[in-house]
mmCIF file of all heavy atoms, coordinates in Angstrom:
data_MODEL
# 
_entry.id   MODEL 
# 
loop_
_atom_site.group_PDB 
_atom_site.id 
_atom_site.type_symbol 
_atom_site.label_atom_id 
_atom_site.label_alt_id 
_atom_site.label_comp_id 
_atom_site.label_asym_id 
_atom_site.label_entity_id 
_atom_site.label_seq_id 
_atom_site.pdbx_PDB_ins_code 
_atom_site.Cartn_x 
_atom_site.Cartn_y 
_atom_site.Cartn_z 
_atom_site.occupancy 
_atom_site.B_iso_or_equiv 
_atom_site.pdbx_formal_charge 
_atom_site.auth_seq_id 
_atom_site.auth_comp_id 
_atom_site.auth_asym_id 
_atom_site.auth_atom_id 
_atom_site.pdbx_PDB_model_num 
ATOM 1   N N   . TYR A 1 1  ? 15.620 -23.792 10.545 1.00 0.00 ? 1  TYR A N   1 
ATOM 2   C CA  . TYR A 1 1  ? 16.927 -23.877 9.880  1.00 0.00 ? 1  TYR A CA  1 
ATOM 3   C C   . TYR A 1 1  ? 17.156 -25.198 9.162  1.00 0.00 ? 1  TYR A C   1 
ATOM 4   O O   . TYR A 1 1  ? 18.284 -25.518 8.803  1.00 0.00 ? 1  TYR A O   1 
ATOM 5   C CB  . TYR A 1 1  ? 18.034 -23.639 10.924 1.00 0.00 ? 1  TYR A CB  1 
ATOM 6   C CG  . TYR A 1 1  ? 17.934 -22.277 11.561 1.00 0.00 ? 1  TYR A CG  1 
ATOM 7   C CD1 . TYR A 1 1  ? 17.477 -22.131 12.869 1.00 0.00 ? 1  TYR A CD1 1 
ATOM 8   C CD2 . TYR A 1 1  ? 18.294 -21.132 10.853 1.00 0.00 ? 1  TYR A CD2 1 
ATOM 9   C CE1 . TYR A 1 1  ? 17.375 -20.875 13.445 1.00 0.00 ? 1  TYR A CE1 1 
ATOM 10  C CE2 . TYR A 1 1  ? 18.194 -19.874 11.428 1.00 0.00 ? 1  TYR A CE2 1 
ATOM 11  C CZ  . TYR A 1 1  ? 17.722 -19.742 12.723 1.00 0.00 ? 1  TYR A CZ  1 
ATOM 12  O OH  . TYR A 1 1  ? 17.628 -18.507 13.299 1.00 0.00 ? 1  TYR A OH  1 
ATOM 13  N N   . LYS A 1 2  ? 16.087 -25.960 8.909  1.00 0.00 ? 2  LYS A N   1 
ATOM 14  C CA  . LYS A 1 2  ? 16.248 -27.271 8.274  1.00 0.00 ? 2  LYS A CA  1 
ATOM 15  C C   . LYS A 1 2  ? 16.910 -27.199 6.901  1.00 0.00 ? 2  LYS A C   1 
ATOM 16  O O   . LYS A 1 2  ? 17.518 -28.149 6.450  1.00 0.00 ? 2  LYS A O   1 
ATOM 17  C CB  . LYS A 1 2  ? 14.925 -28.025 8.203  1.00 0.00 ? 2  LYS A CB  1 
ATOM 18  C CG  . LYS A 1 2  ? 13.931 -27.421 7.251  1.00 0.00 ? 2  LYS A CG  1 
ATOM 19  C CD  . LYS A 1 2  ? 12.625 -28.200 7.247  1.00 0.00 ? 2  LYS A CD  1 
ATOM 20  C CE  . LYS A 1 2  ? 11.648 -27.549 6.276  1.00 0.00 ? 2  LYS A CE  1 
ATOM 21  N NZ  . LYS A 1 2  ? 10.367 -28.263 6.270  1.00 0.00 ? 2  LYS A NZ  1 
ATOM 22  N N   . TRP A 1 3  ? 16.826 -26.053 6.255  1.00 0.00 ? 3  TRP A N   1 
ATOM 23  C CA  . TRP A 1 3  ? 17.489 -25.865 4.943  1.00 0.00 ? 3  TRP A CA  1 
ATOM 24  C C   . TRP A 1 3  ? 18.996 -26.079 5.047  1.00 0.00 ? 3  TRP A C   1 
ATOM 25  O O   . TRP A 1 3  ? 19.615 -26.472 4.064  1.00 0.00 ? 3  TRP A O   1 
ATOM 26  C CB  . TRP A 1 3  ? 17.153 -24.481 4.375  1.00 0.00 ? 3  TRP A CB  1 
ATOM 27  C CG  . TRP A 1 3  ? 17.506 -23.321 5.277  1.00 0.00 ? 3  TRP A CG  1 
ATOM 28  C CD1 . TRP A 1 3  ? 16.711 -22.775 6.248  1.00 0.00 ? 3  TRP A CD1 1 
ATOM 29  C CD2 . TRP A 1 3  ? 18.734 -22.602 5.308  1.00 0.00 ? 3  TRP A CD2 1 
ATOM 30  N NE1 . TRP A 1 3  ? 17.366 -21.748 6.881  1.00 0.00 ? 3  TRP A NE1 1 
ATOM 31  C CE2 . TRP A 1 3  ? 18.614 -21.614 6.330  1.00 0.00 ? 3  TRP A CE2 1 
ATOM 32  C CE3 . TRP A 1 3  ? 19.906 -22.676 4.591  1.00 0.00 ? 3  TRP A CE3 1 
ATOM 33  C CZ2 . TRP A 1 3  ? 19.635 -20.720 6.632  1.00 0.00 ? 3  TRP A CZ2 1 
ATOM 34  C CZ3 . TRP A 1 3  ? 20.931 -21.787 4.872  1.00 0.00 ? 3  TRP A CZ3 1 
ATOM 35  C CH2 . TRP A 1 3  ? 20.790 -20.815 5.888  1.00 0.00 ? 3  TRP A CH2 1 
ATOM 36  N N   . LEU A 1 4  ? 19.559 -25.860 6.243  1.00 0.00 ? 4  LEU A N   1 
ATOM 37  C CA  . LEU A 1 4  ? 20.991 -26.083 6.414  1.00 0.00 ? 4  LEU A CA  1 
ATOM 38  C C   . LEU A 1 4  ? 21.385 -27.551 6.260  1.00 0.00 ? 4  LEU A C   1 
ATOM 39  O O   . LEU A 1 4  ? 22.519 -27.852 5.897  1.00 0.00 ? 4  LEU A O   1 
ATOM 40  C CB  . LEU A 1 4  ? 21.444 -25.597 7.806  1.00 0.00 ? 4  LEU A CB  1 
ATOM 41  C CG  . LEU A 1 4  ? 21.559 -24.096 8.005  1.00 0.00 ? 4  LEU A CG  1 
ATOM 42  C CD1 . LEU A 1 4  ? 21.680 -23.764 9.485  1.00 0.00 ? 4  LEU A CD1 1 
ATOM 43  C CD2 . LEU A 1 4  ? 22.743 -23.545 7.222  1.00 0.00 ? 4  LEU A CD2 1 
ATOM 44  N N   . ASN A 1 5  ? 20.448 -28.456 6.562  1.00 0.00 ? 5  ASN A N   1 
ATOM 45  C CA  . ASN A 1 5  ? 20.716 -29.892 6.455  1.00 0.00 ? 5  ASN A CA  1 
ATOM 46  C C   . ASN A 1 5  ? 21.049 -30.315 5.008  1.00 0.00 ? 5  ASN A C   1 
ATOM 47  O O   . ASN A 1 5  ? 21.605 -31.400 4.811  1.00 0.00 ? 5  ASN A O   1 
ATOM 48  C CB  . ASN A 1 5  ? 19.524 -30.706 6.938  1.00 0.00 ? 5  ASN A CB  1 
ATOM 49  C CG  . ASN A 1 5  ? 19.280 -30.571 8.424  1.00 0.00 ? 5  ASN A CG  1 
ATOM 50  O OD1 . ASN A 1 5  ? 20.210 -30.423 9.199  1.00 0.00 ? 5  ASN A OD1 1 
ATOM 51  N ND2 . ASN A 1 5  ? 18.010 -30.565 8.813  1.00 0.00 ? 5  ASN A ND2 1 
ATOM 52  N N   . ASN A 1 6  ? 20.694 -29.486 4.053  1.00 0.00 ? 6  ASN A N   1 
ATOM 53  C CA  . ASN A 1 6  ? 20.813 -29.866 2.640  1.00 0.00 ? 6  ASN A CA  1 
ATOM 54  C C   . ASN A 1 6  ? 21.703 -28.931 1.830  1.00 0.00 ? 6  ASN A C   1 
ATOM 55  O O   . ASN A 1 6  ? 21.546 -28.836 0.617  1.00 0.00 ? 6  ASN A O   1 
ATOM 56  C CB  . ASN A 1 6  ? 19.426 -29.932 2.005  1.00 0.00 ? 6  ASN A CB  1 
ATOM 57  C CG  . ASN A 1 6  ? 18.601 -31.017 2.643  1.00 0.00 ? 6  ASN A CG  1 
ATOM 58  O OD1 . ASN A 1 6  ? 19.036 -32.139 2.733  1.00 0.00 ? 6  ASN A OD1 1 
ATOM 59  N ND2 . ASN A 1 6  ? 17.417 -30.656 3.116  1.00 0.00 ? 6  ASN A ND2 1 
ATOM 60  N N   . ILE A 1 7  ? 22.654 -28.273 2.498  1.00 0.00 ? 7  ILE A N   1 
ATOM 61  C CA  . ILE A 1 7  ? 23.570 -27.428 1.756  1.00 0.00 ? 7  ILE A CA  1 
ATOM 62  C C   . ILE A 1 7  ? 25.029 -27.777 2.090  1.00 0.00 ? 7  ILE A C   1 
ATOM 63  O O   . ILE A 1 7  ? 25.308 -28.401 3.117  1.00 0.00 ? 7  ILE A O   1 
ATOM 64  C CB  . ILE A 1 7  ? 23.360 -25.917 2.017  1.00 0.00 ? 7  ILE A CB  1 
ATOM 65  C CG1 . ILE A 1 7  ? 23.792 -25.539 3.444  1.00 0.00 ? 7  ILE A CG1 1 
ATOM 66  C CG2 . ILE A 1 7  ? 21.923 -25.510 1.738  1.00 0.00 ? 7  ILE A CG2 1 
ATOM 67  C CD1 . ILE A 1 7  ? 23.981 -24.050 3.671  1.00 0.00 ? 7  ILE A CD1 1 
ATOM 68  N N   . LEU A 1 8  ? 25.901 -27.351 1.225  1.00 0.00 ? 8  LEU A N   1 
ATOM 69  C CA  . LEU A 1 8  ? 27.327 -27.382 1.456  1.00 0.00 ? 8  LEU A CA  1 
ATOM 70  C C   . LEU A 1 8  ? 27.786 -25.940 1.483  1.00 0.00 ? 8  LEU A C   1 
ATOM 71  O O   . LEU A 1 8  ? 27.334 -25.126 0.684  1.00 0.00 ? 8  LEU A O   1 
ATOM 72  C CB  . LEU A 1 8  ? 28.049 -28.129 0.314  1.00 0.00 ? 8  LEU A CB  1 
ATOM 73  C CG  . LEU A 1 8  ? 29.566 -28.141 0.370  1.00 0.00 ? 8  LEU A CG  1 
ATOM 74  C CD1 . LEU A 1 8  ? 30.059 -29.060 1.472  1.00 0.00 ? 8  LEU A CD1 1 
ATOM 75  C CD2 . LEU A 1 8  ? 30.127 -28.573 -0.969 1.00 0.00 ? 8  LEU A CD2 1 
ATOM 76  N N   . ALA A 1 9  ? 28.643 -25.614 2.434  1.00 0.00 ? 9  ALA A N   1 
ATOM 77  C CA  . ALA A 1 9  ? 29.207 -24.264 2.494  1.00 0.00 ? 9  ALA A CA  1 
ATOM 78  C C   . ALA A 1 9  ? 30.710 -24.374 2.340  1.00 0.00 ? 9  ALA A C   1 
ATOM 79  O O   . ALA A 1 9  ? 31.341 -25.330 2.823  1.00 0.00 ? 9  ALA A O   1 
ATOM 80  C CB  . ALA A 1 9  ? 28.858 -23.574 3.801  1.00 0.00 ? 9  ALA A CB  1 
ATOM 81  N N   . ILE A 1 10 ? 31.283 -23.409 1.657  1.00 0.00 ? 10 ILE A N   1 
ATOM 82  C CA  . ILE A 1 10 ? 32.725 -23.324 1.532  1.00 0.00 ? 10 ILE A CA  1 
ATOM 83  C C   . ILE A 1 10 ? 33.169 -22.021 2.178  1.00 0.00 ? 10 ILE A C   1 
ATOM 84  O O   . ILE A 1 10 ? 32.375 -21.081 2.318  1.00 0.00 ? 10 ILE A O   1 
ATOM 85  C CB  . ILE A 1 10 ? 33.181 -23.400 0.048  1.00 0.00 ? 10 ILE A CB  1 
ATOM 86  C CG1 . ILE A 1 10 ? 32.523 -22.305 -0.785 1.00 0.00 ? 10 ILE A CG1 1 
ATOM 87  C CG2 . ILE A 1 10 ? 32.932 -24.784 -0.511 1.00 0.00 ? 10 ILE A CG2 1 
ATOM 88  C CD1 . ILE A 1 10 ? 33.052 -22.233 -2.218 1.00 0.00 ? 10 ILE A CD1 1 
ATOM 89  N N   . GLY A 1 11 ? 34.407 -21.990 2.569  1.00 0.00 ? 11 GLY A N   1 
ATOM 90  C CA  . GLY A 1 11 ? 34.854 -20.776 3.248  1.00 0.00 ? 11 GLY A CA  1 
ATOM 91  C C   . GLY A 1 11 ? 36.329 -20.499 3.083  1.00 0.00 ? 11 GLY A C   1 
ATOM 92  O O   . GLY A 1 11 ? 37.109 -21.392 2.737  1.00 0.00 ? 11 GLY A O   1 
ATOM 93  N N   . THR A 1 12 ? 36.659 -19.263 3.316  1.00 0.00 ? 12 THR A N   1 
ATOM 94  C CA  . THR A 1 12 ? 38.046 -18.834 3.371  1.00 0.00 ? 12 THR A CA  1 
ATOM 95  C C   . THR A 1 12 ? 38.337 -18.497 4.818  1.00 0.00 ? 12 THR A C   1 
ATOM 96  O O   . THR A 1 12 ? 37.481 -17.997 5.542  1.00 0.00 ? 12 THR A O   1 
ATOM 97  C CB  . THR A 1 12 ? 38.289 -17.601 2.477  1.00 0.00 ? 12 THR A CB  1 
ATOM 98  O OG1 . THR A 1 12 ? 37.474 -16.530 2.926  1.00 0.00 ? 12 THR A OG1 1 
ATOM 99  C CG2 . THR A 1 12 ? 37.985 -17.922 1.020  1.00 0.00 ? 12 THR A CG2 1 
ATOM 100 N N   . GLY A 1 13 ? 39.552 -18.798 5.242  1.00 0.00 ? 13 GLY A N   1 
ATOM 101 C CA  . GLY A 1 13 ? 39.914 -18.567 6.627  1.00 0.00 ? 13 GLY A CA  1 
ATOM 102 C C   . GLY A 1 13 ? 41.133 -17.710 6.772  1.00 0.00 ? 13 GLY A C   1 
ATOM 103 O O   . GLY A 1 13 ? 41.922 -17.531 5.831  1.00 0.00 ? 13 GLY A O   1 
ATOM 104 N N   . HIS A 1 14 ? 41.281 -17.180 7.968  1.00 0.00 ? 14 HIS A N   1 
ATOM 105 C CA  . HIS A 1 14 ? 42.468 -16.431 8.339  1.00 0.00 ? 14 HIS A CA  1 
ATOM 106 C C   . HIS A 1 14 ? 42.752 -16.725 9.814  1.00 0.00 ? 14 HIS A C   1 
ATOM 107 O O   . HIS A 1 14 ? 41.835 -16.727 10.630 1.00 0.00 ? 14 HIS A O   1 
ATOM 108 C CB  . HIS A 1 14 ? 42.288 -14.937 8.127  1.00 0.00 ? 14 HIS A CB  1 
ATOM 109 C CG  . HIS A 1 14 ? 43.471 -14.119 8.534  1.00 0.00 ? 14 HIS A CG  1 
ATOM 110 N ND1 . HIS A 1 14 ? 44.753 -14.373 8.070  1.00 0.00 ? 14 HIS A ND1 1 
ATOM 111 C CD2 . HIS A 1 14 ? 43.584 -13.086 9.383  1.00 0.00 ? 14 HIS A CD2 1 
ATOM 112 C CE1 . HIS A 1 14 ? 45.582 -13.510 8.616  1.00 0.00 ? 14 HIS A CE1 1 
ATOM 113 N NE2 . HIS A 1 14 ? 44.903 -12.709 9.421  1.00 0.00 ? 14 HIS A NE2 1 
ATOM 114 N N   . ARG A 1 15 ? 44.003 -16.967 10.138 1.00 0.00 ? 15 ARG A N   1 
ATOM 115 C CA  . ARG A 1 15 ? 44.375 -17.291 11.512 1.00 0.00 ? 15 ARG A CA  1 
ATOM 116 C C   . ARG A 1 15 ? 44.942 -16.062 12.193 1.00 0.00 ? 15 ARG A C   1 
ATOM 117 O O   . ARG A 1 15 ? 46.057 -15.640 11.907 1.00 0.00 ? 15 ARG A O   1 
ATOM 118 C CB  . ARG A 1 15 ? 45.413 -18.433 11.521 1.00 0.00 ? 15 ARG A CB  1 
ATOM 119 C CG  . ARG A 1 15 ? 45.893 -18.872 12.888 1.00 0.00 ? 15 ARG A CG  1 
ATOM 120 C CD  . ARG A 1 15 ? 44.773 -19.626 13.607 1.00 0.00 ? 15 ARG A CD  1 
ATOM 121 N NE  . ARG A 1 15 ? 45.230 -20.359 14.750 1.00 0.00 ? 15 ARG A NE  1 
ATOM 122 C CZ  . ARG A 1 15 ? 45.299 -19.862 15.989 1.00 0.00 ? 15 ARG A CZ  1 
ATOM 123 N NH1 . ARG A 1 15 ? 44.991 -18.634 16.212 1.00 0.00 ? 15 ARG A NH1 1 
ATOM 124 N NH2 . ARG A 1 15 ? 45.696 -20.650 16.974 1.00 0.00 ? 15 ARG A NH2 1 
ATOM 125 N N   . PHE A 1 16 ? 44.135 -15.448 13.057 1.00 0.00 ? 16 PHE A N   1 
ATOM 126 C CA  . PHE A 1 16 ? 44.593 -14.345 13.891 1.00 0.00 ? 16 PHE A CA  1 
ATOM 127 C C   . PHE A 1 16 ? 45.236 -14.937 15.139 1.00 0.00 ? 16 PHE A C   1 
ATOM 128 O O   . PHE A 1 16 ? 44.956 -16.100 15.486 1.00 0.00 ? 16 PHE A O   1 
ATOM 129 C CB  . PHE A 1 16 ? 43.421 -13.453 14.308 1.00 0.00 ? 16 PHE A CB  1 
ATOM 130 C CG  . PHE A 1 16 ? 42.920 -12.554 13.203 1.00 0.00 ? 16 PHE A CG  1 
ATOM 131 C CD1 . PHE A 1 16 ? 41.801 -12.890 12.472 1.00 0.00 ? 16 PHE A CD1 1 
ATOM 132 C CD2 . PHE A 1 16 ? 43.592 -11.386 12.889 1.00 0.00 ? 16 PHE A CD2 1 
ATOM 133 C CE1 . PHE A 1 16 ? 41.340 -12.077 11.454 1.00 0.00 ? 16 PHE A CE1 1 
ATOM 134 C CE2 . PHE A 1 16 ? 43.140 -10.562 11.874 1.00 0.00 ? 16 PHE A CE2 1 
ATOM 135 C CZ  . PHE A 1 16 ? 42.010 -10.889 11.158 1.00 0.00 ? 16 PHE A CZ  1 
ATOM 136 N N   . PRO A 1 17 ? 46.066 -14.183 15.875 1.00 0.00 ? 17 PRO A N   1 
ATOM 137 C CA  . PRO A 1 17 ? 46.662 -14.712 17.106 1.00 0.00 ? 17 PRO A CA  1 
ATOM 138 C C   . PRO A 1 17 ? 45.615 -15.245 18.103 1.00 0.00 ? 17 PRO A C   1 
ATOM 139 O O   . PRO A 1 17 ? 45.856 -16.235 18.775 1.00 0.00 ? 17 PRO A O   1 
ATOM 140 C CB  . PRO A 1 17 ? 47.417 -13.492 17.673 1.00 0.00 ? 17 PRO A CB  1 
ATOM 141 C CG  . PRO A 1 17 ? 47.786 -12.708 16.462 1.00 0.00 ? 17 PRO A CG  1 
ATOM 142 C CD  . PRO A 1 17 ? 46.612 -12.872 15.515 1.00 0.00 ? 17 PRO A CD  1 
ATOM 143 N N   . GLU A 1 18 ? 44.433 -14.615 18.169 1.00 0.00 ? 18 GLU A N   1 
ATOM 144 C CA  . GLU A 1 18 ? 43.420 -15.071 19.129 1.00 0.00 ? 18 GLU A CA  1 
ATOM 145 C C   . GLU A 1 18 ? 42.541 -16.186 18.600 1.00 0.00 ? 18 GLU A C   1 
ATOM 146 O O   . GLU A 1 18 ? 41.736 -16.760 19.338 1.00 0.00 ? 18 GLU A O   1 
ATOM 147 C CB  . GLU A 1 18 ? 42.561 -13.877 19.581 1.00 0.00 ? 18 GLU A CB  1 
ATOM 148 C CG  . GLU A 1 18 ? 41.816 -13.183 18.485 1.00 0.00 ? 18 GLU A CG  1 
ATOM 149 C CD  . GLU A 1 18 ? 42.656 -12.108 17.754 1.00 0.00 ? 18 GLU A CD  1 
ATOM 150 O OE1 . GLU A 1 18 ? 43.840 -11.944 18.018 1.00 0.00 ? 18 GLU A OE1 1 
ATOM 151 O OE2 . GLU A 1 18 ? 42.060 -11.453 16.890 1.00 0.00 ? 18 GLU A OE2 1 
ATOM 152 N N   . GLY A 1 19 ? 42.656 -16.530 17.346 1.00 0.00 ? 19 GLY A N   1 
ATOM 153 C CA  . GLY A 1 19 ? 41.879 -17.622 16.768 1.00 0.00 ? 19 GLY A CA  1 
ATOM 154 C C   . GLY A 1 19 ? 41.496 -17.341 15.337 1.00 0.00 ? 19 GLY A C   1 
ATOM 155 O O   . GLY A 1 19 ? 41.693 -16.214 14.848 1.00 0.00 ? 19 GLY A O   1 
ATOM 156 N N   . PRO A 1 20 ? 40.909 -18.314 14.658 1.00 0.00 ? 20 PRO A N   1 
ATOM 157 C CA  . PRO A 1 20 ? 40.586 -18.138 13.253 1.00 0.00 ? 20 PRO A CA  1 
ATOM 158 C C   . PRO A 1 20 ? 39.284 -17.373 13.009 1.00 0.00 ? 20 PRO A C   1 
ATOM 159 O O   . PRO A 1 20 ? 38.397 -17.359 13.853 1.00 0.00 ? 20 PRO A O   1 
ATOM 160 C CB  . PRO A 1 20 ? 40.462 -19.585 12.732 1.00 0.00 ? 20 PRO A CB  1 
ATOM 161 C CG  . PRO A 1 20 ? 40.030 -20.350 13.933 1.00 0.00 ? 20 PRO A CG  1 
ATOM 162 C CD  . PRO A 1 20 ? 40.673 -19.681 15.103 1.00 0.00 ? 20 PRO A CD  1 
ATOM 163 N N   . VAL A 1 21 ? 39.219 -16.776 11.831 1.00 0.00 ? 21 VAL A N   1 
ATOM 164 C CA  . VAL A 1 21 ? 38.013 -16.128 11.329 1.00 0.00 ? 21 VAL A CA  1 
ATOM 165 C C   . VAL A 1 21 ? 37.732 -16.730 9.961  1.00 0.00 ? 21 VAL A C   1 
ATOM 166 O O   . VAL A 1 21 ? 38.648 -16.885 9.149  1.00 0.00 ? 21 VAL A O   1 
ATOM 167 C CB  . VAL A 1 21 ? 38.186 -14.604 11.216 1.00 0.00 ? 21 VAL A CB  1 
ATOM 168 C CG1 . VAL A 1 21 ? 36.969 -13.955 10.542 1.00 0.00 ? 21 VAL A CG1 1 
ATOM 169 C CG2 . VAL A 1 21 ? 38.435 -13.983 12.572 1.00 0.00 ? 21 VAL A CG2 1 
ATOM 170 N N   . TYR A 1 22 ? 36.462 -17.101 9.732  1.00 0.00 ? 22 TYR A N   1 
ATOM 171 C CA  . TYR A 1 22 ? 36.062 -17.695 8.462  1.00 0.00 ? 22 TYR A CA  1 
ATOM 172 C C   . TYR A 1 22 ? 34.944 -16.884 7.844  1.00 0.00 ? 22 TYR A C   1 
ATOM 173 O O   . TYR A 1 22 ? 34.022 -16.470 8.536  1.00 0.00 ? 22 TYR A O   1 
ATOM 174 C CB  . TYR A 1 22 ? 35.529 -19.111 8.670  1.00 0.00 ? 22 TYR A CB  1 
ATOM 175 C CG  . TYR A 1 22 ? 36.537 -20.084 9.237  1.00 0.00 ? 22 TYR A CG  1 
ATOM 176 C CD1 . TYR A 1 22 ? 36.544 -20.401 10.587 1.00 0.00 ? 22 TYR A CD1 1 
ATOM 177 C CD2 . TYR A 1 22 ? 37.459 -20.705 8.392  1.00 0.00 ? 22 TYR A CD2 1 
ATOM 178 C CE1 . TYR A 1 22 ? 37.452 -21.315 11.092 1.00 0.00 ? 22 TYR A CE1 1 
ATOM 179 C CE2 . TYR A 1 22 ? 38.359 -21.625 8.905  1.00 0.00 ? 22 TYR A CE2 1 
ATOM 180 C CZ  . TYR A 1 22 ? 38.357 -21.917 10.253 1.00 0.00 ? 22 TYR A CZ  1 
ATOM 181 O OH  . TYR A 1 22 ? 39.260 -22.819 10.736 1.00 0.00 ? 22 TYR A OH  1 
ATOM 182 N N   . SER A 1 23 ? 34.994 -16.712 6.533  1.00 0.00 ? 23 SER A N   1 
ATOM 183 C CA  . SER A 1 23 ? 33.887 -16.192 5.762  1.00 0.00 ? 23 SER A CA  1 
ATOM 184 C C   . SER A 1 23 ? 33.297 -17.384 5.022  1.00 0.00 ? 23 SER A C   1 
ATOM 185 O O   . SER A 1 23 ? 33.991 -17.996 4.211  1.00 0.00 ? 23 SER A O   1 
ATOM 186 C CB  . SER A 1 23 ? 34.356 -15.128 4.767  1.00 0.00 ? 23 SER A CB  1 
ATOM 187 O OG  . SER A 1 23 ? 34.855 -13.997 5.438  1.00 0.00 ? 23 SER A OG  1 
ATOM 188 N N   . LEU A 1 24 ? 32.045 -17.724 5.359  1.00 0.00 ? 24 LEU A N   1 
ATOM 189 C CA  . LEU A 1 24 ? 31.408 -18.902 4.759  1.00 0.00 ? 24 LEU A CA  1 
ATOM 190 C C   . LEU A 1 24 ? 30.371 -18.488 3.729  1.00 0.00 ? 24 LEU A C   1 
ATOM 191 O O   . LEU A 1 24 ? 29.673 -17.497 3.906  1.00 0.00 ? 24 LEU A O   1 
ATOM 192 C CB  . LEU A 1 24 ? 30.747 -19.777 5.837  1.00 0.00 ? 24 LEU A CB  1 
ATOM 193 C CG  . LEU A 1 24 ? 31.755 -20.680 6.520  1.00 0.00 ? 24 LEU A CG  1 
ATOM 194 C CD1 . LEU A 1 24 ? 32.194 -20.081 7.825  1.00 0.00 ? 24 LEU A CD1 1 
ATOM 195 C CD2 . LEU A 1 24 ? 31.211 -22.046 6.676  1.00 0.00 ? 24 LEU A CD2 1 
ATOM 196 N N   . PHE A 1 25 ? 30.298 -19.331 2.675  1.00 0.00 ? 25 PHE A N   1 
ATOM 197 C CA  . PHE A 1 25 ? 29.388 -19.082 1.568  1.00 0.00 ? 25 PHE A CA  1 
ATOM 198 C C   . PHE A 1 25 ? 28.606 -20.362 1.252  1.00 0.00 ? 25 PHE A C   1 
ATOM 199 O O   . PHE A 1 25 ? 29.194 -21.427 1.118  1.00 0.00 ? 25 PHE A O   1 
ATOM 200 C CB  . PHE A 1 25 ? 30.200 -18.684 0.311  1.00 0.00 ? 25 PHE A CB  1 
ATOM 201 C CG  . PHE A 1 25 ? 31.036 -17.454 0.526  1.00 0.00 ? 25 PHE A CG  1 
ATOM 202 C CD1 . PHE A 1 25 ? 32.305 -17.566 1.089  1.00 0.00 ? 25 PHE A CD1 1 
ATOM 203 C CD2 . PHE A 1 25 ? 30.562 -16.214 0.194  1.00 0.00 ? 25 PHE A CD2 1 
ATOM 204 C CE1 . PHE A 1 25 ? 33.105 -16.436 1.295  1.00 0.00 ? 25 PHE A CE1 1 
ATOM 205 C CE2 . PHE A 1 25 ? 31.328 -15.068 0.398  1.00 0.00 ? 25 PHE A CE2 1 
ATOM 206 C CZ  . PHE A 1 25 ? 32.603 -15.183 0.959  1.00 0.00 ? 25 PHE A CZ  1 
ATOM 207 N N   . GLU A 1 26 ? 27.289 -20.224 1.120  1.00 0.00 ? 26 GLU A N   1 
ATOM 208 C CA  . GLU A 1 26 ? 26.478 -21.358 0.676  1.00 0.00 ? 26 GLU A CA  1 
ATOM 209 C C   . GLU A 1 26 ? 26.744 -21.603 -0.795 1.00 0.00 ? 26 GLU A C   1 
ATOM 210 O O   . GLU A 1 26 ? 26.737 -20.682 -1.602 1.00 0.00 ? 26 GLU A O   1 
ATOM 211 C CB  . GLU A 1 26 ? 24.994 -21.031 0.888  1.00 0.00 ? 26 GLU A CB  1 
ATOM 212 C CG  . GLU A 1 26 ? 24.072 -22.100 0.368  1.00 0.00 ? 26 GLU A CG  1 
ATOM 213 C CD  . GLU A 1 26 ? 22.607 -21.739 0.480  1.00 0.00 ? 26 GLU A CD  1 
ATOM 214 O OE1 . GLU A 1 26 ? 22.257 -20.680 1.032  1.00 0.00 ? 26 GLU A OE1 1 
ATOM 215 O OE2 . GLU A 1 26 ? 21.794 -22.565 0.012  1.00 0.00 ? 26 GLU A OE2 1 
ATOM 216 N N   . VAL A 1 27 ? 27.004 -22.868 -1.151 1.00 0.00 ? 27 VAL A N   1 
ATOM 217 C CA  . VAL A 1 27 ? 27.140 -23.231 -2.561 1.00 0.00 ? 27 VAL A CA  1 
ATOM 218 C C   . VAL A 1 27 ? 25.722 -23.430 -3.107 1.00 0.00 ? 27 VAL A C   1 
ATOM 219 O O   . VAL A 1 27 ? 24.966 -24.243 -2.564 1.00 0.00 ? 27 VAL A O   1 
ATOM 220 C CB  . VAL A 1 27 ? 27.997 -24.506 -2.730 1.00 0.00 ? 27 VAL A CB  1 
ATOM 221 C CG1 . VAL A 1 27 ? 28.059 -24.892 -4.214 1.00 0.00 ? 27 VAL A CG1 1 
ATOM 222 C CG2 . VAL A 1 27 ? 29.400 -24.284 -2.171 1.00 0.00 ? 27 VAL A CG2 1 
# 
C-alpha cells in the first residue's frame, strides 16, 4: 500500500446519528 503515501484523497461526508460516512476519492 506504499502508493497511499503519495496521494491526496478528498471526500464528501454525511453525519448519521450513529456516526459519519465518507466517500473518498483519490485525486
